[in-house]
Amino acid sequence: MPPRLLSHTKNFSTLLLTWYAKHKRDLPWRRGARDPYRVWVSEILLQQTQVTTVLPYYKKFLARFPTVHALARAKLDTVLKTWEGVGYYARARNLHRAAKEIRARFDGKLPTTVAELQTLPGIGRYTASAIASIAFDRDAAVVDGNVTRVLCRFFGIRRNIQLAKTKTTLWDLAAALVPRGRAGDYNQALMDLGATICTPRNPTCARCPLTRACRARRLGIQEKIPIKTKKKKLPHYVIGAGVIYKGKQILIAKRNANDLLGGLWEFPGGKRERGESLPACVAREVREEVGIEIVVAREIAVVPHAFSHFTITLHFFECRYRRGTPRALECAECKWVAPRALARYAFPAANRKMIQILNQRL
């Protein structure tokens, strides 16, 4: 840790732990005896997702898969359906893969060290450190968005947090501050402080246990820290998709495992090419994806949707099957299903909005 920062650490962890003992959030994975499996599932769900969103999904997931063995035995389709709605589906696929590895390599028990945890799918440095400290009392530091914000403000760090050098400084600082034997509570205290008091906007500094020594607070720059590069404008894509009827059945396709939203089902379609009309886009994409010819009829829904790195406008068209045998050309699987059966399959958010419209017609 840089000397100028080291001199500013007096009572940091003590104040934080005292505050946490009185004000920690009542979260289901913190209740009762610490269960490493529950801690792991909660940490994966909390990646890029707020606690309030996670809570019902955590309860649902644990009810369906109460143990590592139950998760490892499950079919991926079942895992994805249970995860449906919380987003970032790679997390669910990695949980499923990791459960299988834990059963095969570690006799069904989560490994206890940061190094071993990082060998599992979907577990990086932060998640491994969080699990190791909270579930196994390892003296491991964590740095996530909340921790970064608290540290940058308290120590007055005014460097771009996206720079490798700044990230190294933050990890070194976090490691130096961990109170030996109390890392689990300390790390959760940092996360709670960042989530409830040291928030990105309008931090409630008057309620913060660290406010007297906070450099950003003293300088009146708490809302200007942390510093990071402004986000670039996200690219936007126009997507055409077909709700294809053959009699009373609808054709759905499963996305390839390694694709974005891999393993989820969708109505066949894809990106519109330059100069292409939306009906022509739908006909072409369906032909390339599942190998059939269709008649594209009226547009029945327009759904905007945002991903982390791009946005889309998804145009759904009602279509009629014309000829050909559906086959998985640019998808993992395709099948005809009754409209009422759509609820059995895991779909991305934008496609679920289309299903809601279809259900209104039933």
Protein backbone atom coordinates (compact mmCIF):
# COMPACT_ATOMS: atom_id res chain seq x y z
CA MET A 1 0.00 0.00 0.00
CA PRO A 2 1.34 3.50 -0.80
CA PRO A 3 2.71 5.18 2.39
CA ARG A 4 0.37 8.18 2.09
CA LEU A 5 -2.63 5.82 2.17
CA LEU A 6 -1.23 3.62 4.92
CA SER A 7 -1.12 6.60 7.29
CA HIS A 8 -4.87 7.09 6.83
CA THR A 9 -6.10 3.67 7.99
CA LYS A 10 -6.38 4.18 11.74
CA ASN A 11 -9.57 2.56 13.14
CA PHE A 12 -10.94 1.96 9.61
CA SER A 13 -11.87 -1.71 10.10
CA THR A 14 -12.91 -1.23 13.76
CA LEU A 15 -15.36 1.54 12.89
CA LEU A 16 -16.72 -0.45 9.97
CA LEU A 17 -17.24 -3.67 11.96
CA THR A 18 -18.91 -1.80 14.82
CA TRP A 19 -21.31 -0.19 12.35
CA TYR A 20 -21.97 -3.52 10.63
CA ALA A 21 -22.88 -5.25 13.90
CA LYS A 22 -25.76 -2.78 14.31
CA HIS A 23 -26.81 -2.08 10.73
CA LYS A 24 -26.07 -5.14 8.56
CA ARG A 25 -28.78 -6.07 6.08
CA ASP A 26 -30.95 -9.06 6.92
CA LEU A 27 -30.26 -11.27 3.92
CA PRO A 28 -31.32 -14.94 3.64
CA TRP A 29 -27.82 -16.28 2.93
CA ARG A 30 -26.58 -14.66 6.15
CA ARG A 31 -29.12 -16.40 8.38
CA GLY A 32 -28.26 -19.43 10.47
CA ALA A 33 -25.12 -21.50 10.00
CA ARG A 34 -22.97 -20.42 7.08
CA ASP A 35 -23.63 -22.75 4.17
CA PRO A 36 -20.90 -22.44 1.49
CA TYR A 37 -23.36 -23.51 -1.22
CA ARG A 38 -25.83 -20.76 -0.28
CA VAL A 39 -23.02 -18.20 -0.16
CA TRP A 40 -21.82 -19.28 -3.61
CA VAL A 41 -25.28 -19.11 -5.19
CA SER A 42 -25.91 -15.68 -3.65
CA GLU A 43 -22.59 -14.29 -4.90
CA ILE A 44 -23.25 -15.49 -8.45
CA LEU A 45 -26.75 -14.02 -8.43
CA LEU A 46 -25.39 -10.72 -7.10
CA GLN A 47 -22.97 -10.34 -10.01
CA GLN A 48 -24.27 -7.29 -11.91
CA THR A 49 -27.64 -7.53 -10.14
CA GLN A 50 -29.03 -5.58 -7.17
CA VAL A 51 -29.99 -7.29 -3.92
CA THR A 52 -33.69 -6.36 -4.19
CA THR A 53 -33.86 -8.05 -7.59
CA VAL A 54 -31.94 -11.12 -6.41
CA LEU A 55 -34.01 -12.00 -3.32
CA PRO A 56 -36.99 -13.77 -4.98
CA TYR A 57 -34.74 -15.56 -7.47
CA TYR A 58 -32.44 -16.75 -4.68
CA LYS A 59 -35.41 -18.25 -2.83
CA LYS A 60 -36.72 -19.89 -6.00
CA PHE A 61 -33.32 -21.27 -7.01
CA LEU A 62 -32.57 -22.73 -3.56
CA ALA A 63 -36.01 -24.33 -3.39
CA ARG A 64 -35.43 -26.06 -6.74
CA PHE A 65 -31.73 -26.88 -6.19
CA PRO A 66 -31.06 -27.05 -2.43
CA THR A 67 -27.62 -28.67 -2.73
CA VAL A 68 -24.63 -28.93 -5.05
CA HIS A 69 -25.68 -32.47 -5.91
CA ALA A 70 -29.21 -31.40 -6.82
CA LEU A 71 -27.83 -28.70 -9.13
CA ALA A 72 -25.29 -31.06 -10.70
CA ARG A 73 -27.98 -33.68 -11.44
CA ALA A 74 -30.36 -31.19 -13.06
CA LYS A 75 -30.76 -30.66 -16.78
CA LEU A 76 -29.44 -27.37 -18.10
CA ASP A 77 -32.88 -26.53 -19.52
CA THR A 78 -34.32 -26.82 -16.00
CA VAL A 79 -31.60 -24.61 -14.55
CA LEU A 80 -32.15 -21.95 -17.22
CA LYS A 81 -35.92 -22.03 -16.72
CA THR A 82 -35.47 -21.56 -12.96
CA TRP A 83 -33.06 -18.68 -13.65
CA GLU A 84 -35.42 -17.10 -16.19
CA GLY A 85 -35.94 -13.39 -15.58
CA VAL A 86 -32.80 -12.55 -13.61
CA GLY A 87 -30.68 -12.16 -16.77
CA TYR A 88 -26.98 -12.67 -17.55
CA TYR A 89 -27.65 -16.33 -18.28
CA ALA A 90 -23.98 -17.26 -18.56
CA ARG A 91 -24.05 -17.20 -14.77
CA ALA A 92 -26.61 -20.01 -14.70
CA ARG A 93 -24.68 -22.06 -17.24
CA ASN A 94 -21.48 -21.60 -15.23
CA LEU A 95 -23.21 -22.51 -11.96
CA HIS A 96 -24.41 -25.73 -13.54
CA ARG A 97 -20.97 -26.56 -14.96
CA ALA A 98 -19.26 -25.69 -11.69
CA ALA A 99 -21.66 -27.91 -9.71
CA LYS A 100 -20.70 -30.84 -11.90
CA GLU A 101 -17.00 -30.08 -11.37
CA ILE A 102 -17.45 -29.73 -7.60
CA ARG A 103 -19.14 -33.12 -7.51
CA ALA A 104 -16.42 -34.72 -9.65
CA ARG A 105 -13.30 -32.98 -8.32
CA PHE A 106 -14.16 -32.03 -4.74
CA ASP A 107 -16.56 -34.77 -3.58
CA GLY A 108 -19.52 -32.40 -3.75
CA LYS A 109 -18.04 -29.78 -1.40
CA LEU A 110 -16.94 -26.30 -2.42
CA PRO A 111 -13.17 -25.86 -2.26
CA THR A 112 -12.08 -23.57 0.56
CA THR A 113 -9.22 -21.55 -0.94
CA VAL A 114 -9.29 -18.59 -3.30
CA ALA A 115 -6.96 -20.37 -5.74
CA GLU A 116 -9.10 -23.53 -5.94
CA LEU A 117 -12.36 -21.59 -6.19
CA GLN A 118 -10.98 -19.65 -9.16
CA THR A 119 -10.55 -22.90 -11.09
CA LEU A 120 -14.35 -23.26 -11.26
CA PRO A 121 -16.44 -21.81 -14.12
CA GLY A 122 -17.87 -18.37 -13.42
CA ILE A 123 -15.71 -17.64 -10.39
CA GLY A 124 -13.18 -14.85 -10.72
CA ARG A 125 -10.96 -13.12 -8.18
CA TYR A 126 -13.70 -11.13 -6.46
CA THR A 127 -16.22 -13.99 -6.21
CA ALA A 128 -13.57 -16.46 -5.04
CA SER A 129 -12.40 -14.04 -2.35
CA ALA A 130 -15.96 -13.32 -1.22
CA ILE A 131 -16.83 -17.02 -0.90
CA ALA A 132 -13.52 -17.89 0.80
CA SER A 133 -13.84 -15.09 3.36
CA ILE A 134 -17.57 -15.37 4.11
CA ALA A 135 -17.97 -19.16 4.01
CA PHE A 136 -14.53 -20.35 5.14
CA ASP A 137 -13.06 -17.49 7.23
CA ARG A 138 -10.15 -17.00 4.85
CA ASP A 139 -8.31 -13.67 5.18
CA ALA A 140 -9.12 -12.62 1.62
CA ALA A 141 -9.89 -9.10 0.42
CA VAL A 142 -12.62 -8.18 -2.06
CA VAL A 143 -12.90 -5.32 -4.53
CA ASP A 144 -16.18 -4.75 -6.37
CA GLY A 145 -18.08 -1.61 -7.34
CA ASN A 146 -19.26 -0.87 -3.81
CA VAL A 147 -15.83 -1.47 -2.25
CA THR A 148 -14.13 0.61 -4.95
CA ARG A 149 -16.43 3.54 -4.23
CA VAL A 150 -15.88 3.40 -0.45
CA LEU A 151 -12.10 3.14 -0.74
CA CYS A 152 -11.75 5.83 -3.40
CA ARG A 153 -13.82 8.29 -1.40
CA PHE A 154 -12.31 7.54 2.00
CA PHE A 155 -8.73 7.71 0.77
CA GLY A 156 -9.35 10.47 -1.77
CA ILE A 157 -8.16 8.42 -4.75
CA ARG A 158 -8.67 10.59 -7.83
CA ARG A 159 -7.33 8.30 -10.55
CA ASN A 160 -9.33 6.54 -13.23
CA ILE A 161 -10.53 3.30 -11.63
CA GLN A 162 -10.51 1.57 -15.02
CA LEU A 163 -6.72 1.84 -15.26
CA ALA A 164 -4.76 -1.30 -14.39
CA LYS A 165 -2.52 0.65 -12.01
CA THR A 166 -5.50 1.97 -10.07
CA LYS A 167 -7.06 -1.48 -9.85
CA THR A 168 -3.79 -2.86 -8.45
CA THR A 169 -3.68 -0.06 -5.87
CA LEU A 170 -7.25 -0.82 -4.77
CA TRP A 171 -6.61 -4.54 -4.40
CA ASP A 172 -3.39 -3.89 -2.45
CA LEU A 173 -5.22 -1.40 -0.25
CA ALA A 174 -8.12 -3.77 0.36
CA ALA A 175 -5.74 -6.58 1.29
CA ALA A 176 -3.83 -4.39 3.76
CA LEU A 177 -7.06 -3.35 5.50
CA VAL A 178 -8.51 -6.83 6.10
CA PRO A 179 -8.65 -7.56 9.87
CA ARG A 180 -7.22 -11.03 10.40
CA GLY A 181 -9.88 -13.52 11.39
CA ARG A 182 -12.74 -11.12 10.57
CA ALA A 183 -12.50 -10.91 6.78
CA GLY A 184 -16.00 -12.29 6.14
CA ASP A 185 -17.82 -9.73 8.29
CA TYR A 186 -15.46 -6.96 7.22
CA ASN A 187 -15.98 -7.60 3.51
CA GLN A 188 -19.75 -7.73 3.94
CA ALA A 189 -19.59 -4.51 5.95
CA LEU A 190 -17.79 -2.78 3.08
CA MET A 191 -20.37 -4.05 0.60
CA ASP A 192 -23.28 -2.98 2.80
CA LEU A 193 -21.81 0.47 3.38
CA GLY A 194 -21.37 0.99 -0.36
CA ALA A 195 -24.87 -0.29 -1.14
CA THR A 196 -26.79 1.61 1.54
CA ILE A 197 -24.82 4.74 2.53
CA CYS A 198 -21.83 5.39 0.26
CA THR A 199 -24.07 5.18 -2.81
CA PRO A 200 -23.13 6.37 -6.33
CA ARG A 201 -25.41 9.41 -6.07
CA ASN A 202 -26.53 11.35 -3.00
CA PRO A 203 -24.46 9.43 -0.43
CA THR A 204 -25.78 9.89 3.13
CA CYS A 205 -22.46 10.92 4.62
CA ALA A 206 -24.00 12.06 7.91
CA ARG A 207 -24.86 8.42 8.70
CA CYS A 208 -21.49 6.99 7.65
CA PRO A 209 -19.24 5.61 10.40
CA LEU A 210 -16.17 6.76 8.42
CA THR A 211 -17.31 10.29 7.66
CA ARG A 212 -14.93 12.14 10.01
CA ALA A 213 -11.84 10.77 8.30
CA CYS A 214 -13.21 10.60 4.74
CA ARG A 215 -11.03 12.71 2.46
CA ALA A 216 -13.65 13.08 -0.27
CA ARG A 217 -16.19 14.28 2.31
CA ARG A 218 -13.68 16.76 3.73
CA LEU A 219 -13.01 18.18 0.25
CA GLY A 220 -16.67 18.11 -0.79
CA ILE A 221 -15.96 15.88 -3.80
CA GLN A 222 -17.70 12.68 -2.69
CA GLU A 223 -20.07 12.71 -5.66
CA LYS A 224 -17.19 13.20 -8.11
CA ILE A 225 -15.37 10.06 -6.94
CA PRO A 226 -14.71 7.41 -8.16
CA ILE A 227 -13.41 8.70 -11.49
CA LYS A 228 -13.89 6.58 -14.59
CA THR A 229 -13.99 6.96 -18.34
CA LYS A 230 -17.34 8.09 -19.67
CA LYS A 231 -19.28 5.33 -21.33
CA LYS A 232 -19.36 5.30 -25.10
CA LYS A 233 -22.70 5.33 -26.83
CA LEU A 234 -23.93 1.77 -27.14
CA PRO A 235 -24.41 0.33 -30.64
CA HIS A 236 -27.98 -0.36 -31.65
CA TYR A 237 -29.31 -3.22 -33.78
CA VAL A 238 -32.67 -3.81 -35.44
CA ILE A 239 -33.83 -7.42 -35.14
CA GLY A 240 -36.60 -9.18 -37.02
CA ALA A 241 -38.18 -12.35 -35.63
CA GLY A 242 -40.98 -14.62 -36.80
CA VAL A 243 -43.83 -16.09 -34.79
CA ILE A 244 -44.31 -18.91 -37.28
CA TYR A 245 -47.57 -20.87 -37.29
CA LYS A 246 -48.14 -24.31 -38.77
CA GLY A 247 -51.74 -25.06 -37.97
CA LYS A 248 -52.06 -24.32 -34.26
CA GLN A 249 -48.38 -24.81 -33.44
CA ILE A 250 -45.52 -22.29 -33.28
CA LEU A 251 -41.88 -22.90 -34.20
CA ILE A 252 -39.22 -22.11 -31.59
CA ALA A 253 -35.44 -22.46 -31.74
CA LYS A 254 -32.80 -22.94 -29.05
CA ARG A 255 -29.74 -20.69 -29.17
CA ASN A 256 -26.32 -22.33 -29.49
CA ALA A 257 -24.61 -22.91 -26.14
CA ASN A 258 -21.70 -20.53 -26.83
CA ASP A 259 -23.86 -17.70 -28.18
CA LEU A 260 -25.19 -14.76 -26.19
CA LEU A 261 -28.19 -16.13 -24.26
CA GLY A 262 -26.96 -19.61 -25.11
CA GLY A 263 -29.33 -22.43 -24.22
CA LEU A 264 -32.42 -20.21 -24.22
CA TRP A 265 -35.31 -20.61 -26.65
CA GLU A 266 -36.51 -17.87 -29.00
CA PHE A 267 -38.66 -17.10 -31.99
CA PRO A 268 -36.33 -17.50 -35.01
CA GLY A 269 -34.82 -14.30 -36.39
CA GLY A 270 -31.79 -12.06 -36.43
CA LYS A 271 -30.20 -8.73 -37.36
CA ARG A 272 -31.49 -6.73 -40.30
CA GLU A 273 -28.84 -6.14 -42.94
CA ARG A 274 -28.19 -2.76 -44.56
CA GLY A 275 -30.92 -1.87 -47.08
CA GLU A 276 -33.08 -4.86 -46.10
CA SER A 277 -36.75 -4.56 -45.20
CA LEU A 278 -37.88 -6.14 -41.96
CA PRO A 279 -40.12 -8.77 -43.64
CA ALA A 280 -37.21 -9.74 -45.92
CA CYS A 281 -34.94 -9.94 -42.88
CA VAL A 282 -37.32 -12.31 -41.10
CA ALA A 283 -37.71 -14.58 -44.14
CA ARG A 284 -33.93 -14.73 -44.68
CA GLU A 285 -33.05 -15.31 -41.03
CA VAL A 286 -35.64 -18.08 -40.68
CA ARG A 287 -34.33 -19.76 -43.83
CA GLU A 288 -30.71 -19.56 -42.59
CA GLU A 289 -31.52 -20.59 -39.04
CA VAL A 290 -34.00 -23.44 -39.47
CA GLY A 291 -34.14 -24.08 -43.23
CA ILE A 292 -37.80 -23.44 -44.02
CA GLU A 293 -39.72 -21.05 -46.25
CA ILE A 294 -42.37 -18.85 -44.70
CA VAL A 295 -44.89 -16.17 -45.61
CA VAL A 296 -44.28 -13.05 -43.53
CA ALA A 297 -47.55 -11.36 -42.61
CA ARG A 298 -48.23 -8.45 -40.28
CA GLU A 299 -46.03 -6.97 -37.60
CA ILE A 300 -47.51 -7.84 -34.20
CA ALA A 301 -45.10 -6.32 -31.65
CA VAL A 302 -42.10 -4.01 -31.31
CA VAL A 303 -39.96 -4.57 -28.22
CA PRO A 304 -36.95 -2.40 -27.28
CA HIS A 305 -34.36 -4.05 -25.05
CA ALA A 306 -30.97 -3.15 -23.59
CA PHE A 307 -28.02 -5.45 -22.99
CA SER A 308 -24.82 -4.44 -21.20
CA HIS A 309 -22.93 -3.64 -24.41
CA PHE A 310 -25.63 -2.86 -26.98
CA THR A 311 -29.34 -2.15 -27.43
CA ILE A 312 -31.89 -3.66 -29.80
CA THR A 313 -35.33 -3.04 -31.20
CA LEU A 314 -36.97 -6.39 -31.79
CA HIS A 315 -39.76 -6.51 -34.39
CA PHE A 316 -42.02 -9.57 -34.25
CA PHE A 317 -43.97 -10.65 -37.31
CA GLU A 318 -46.76 -13.16 -37.56
CA CYS A 319 -45.73 -15.73 -40.17
CA ARG A 320 -47.18 -18.81 -41.87
CA TYR A 321 -45.21 -21.95 -42.62
CA ARG A 322 -44.88 -22.55 -46.37
CA ARG A 323 -42.58 -25.49 -47.00
CA GLY A 324 -39.49 -27.37 -45.81
CA THR A 325 -38.54 -29.44 -42.79
CA PRO A 326 -37.24 -27.44 -39.82
CA ARG A 327 -33.68 -28.37 -38.91
CA ALA A 328 -31.04 -26.83 -36.66
CA LEU A 329 -28.76 -25.00 -39.10
CA GLU A 330 -27.74 -21.96 -37.01
CA CYS A 331 -29.30 -23.01 -33.72
CA ALA A 332 -28.94 -25.93 -31.32
CA GLU A 333 -32.47 -27.29 -31.72
CA CYS A 334 -35.89 -26.36 -33.09
CA LYS A 335 -39.39 -27.71 -32.54
CA TRP A 336 -43.09 -27.05 -33.06
CA VAL A 337 -44.99 -26.40 -29.83
CA ALA A 338 -48.51 -25.41 -28.85
CA PRO A 339 -48.82 -21.78 -27.69
CA ARG A 340 -49.80 -22.90 -24.19
CA ALA A 341 -46.60 -24.98 -23.98
CA LEU A 342 -44.33 -21.95 -24.42
CA ALA A 343 -44.37 -21.43 -20.65
CA ARG A 344 -42.36 -24.63 -20.18
CA TYR A 345 -39.31 -23.21 -21.94
CA ALA A 346 -36.77 -20.58 -20.86
CA PHE A 347 -36.90 -17.48 -23.09
CA PRO A 348 -34.97 -14.18 -23.01
CA ALA A 349 -36.80 -11.14 -21.64
CA ALA A 350 -37.71 -9.59 -25.01
CA ASN A 351 -39.21 -12.88 -26.26
CA ARG A 352 -41.19 -13.29 -23.03
CA LYS A 353 -42.93 -10.01 -23.78
CA MET A 354 -44.06 -11.50 -27.09
CA ILE A 355 -45.32 -14.59 -25.26
CA GLN A 356 -47.39 -12.37 -22.95
CA ILE A 357 -49.06 -10.89 -26.04
CA LEU A 358 -49.74 -14.38 -27.42
CA ASN A 359 -51.22 -15.48 -24.08
CA GLN A 360 -53.71 -12.63 -24.24
CA ARG A 361 -55.08 -14.18 -27.42
CA LEU A 362 -55.66 -17.61 -25.89
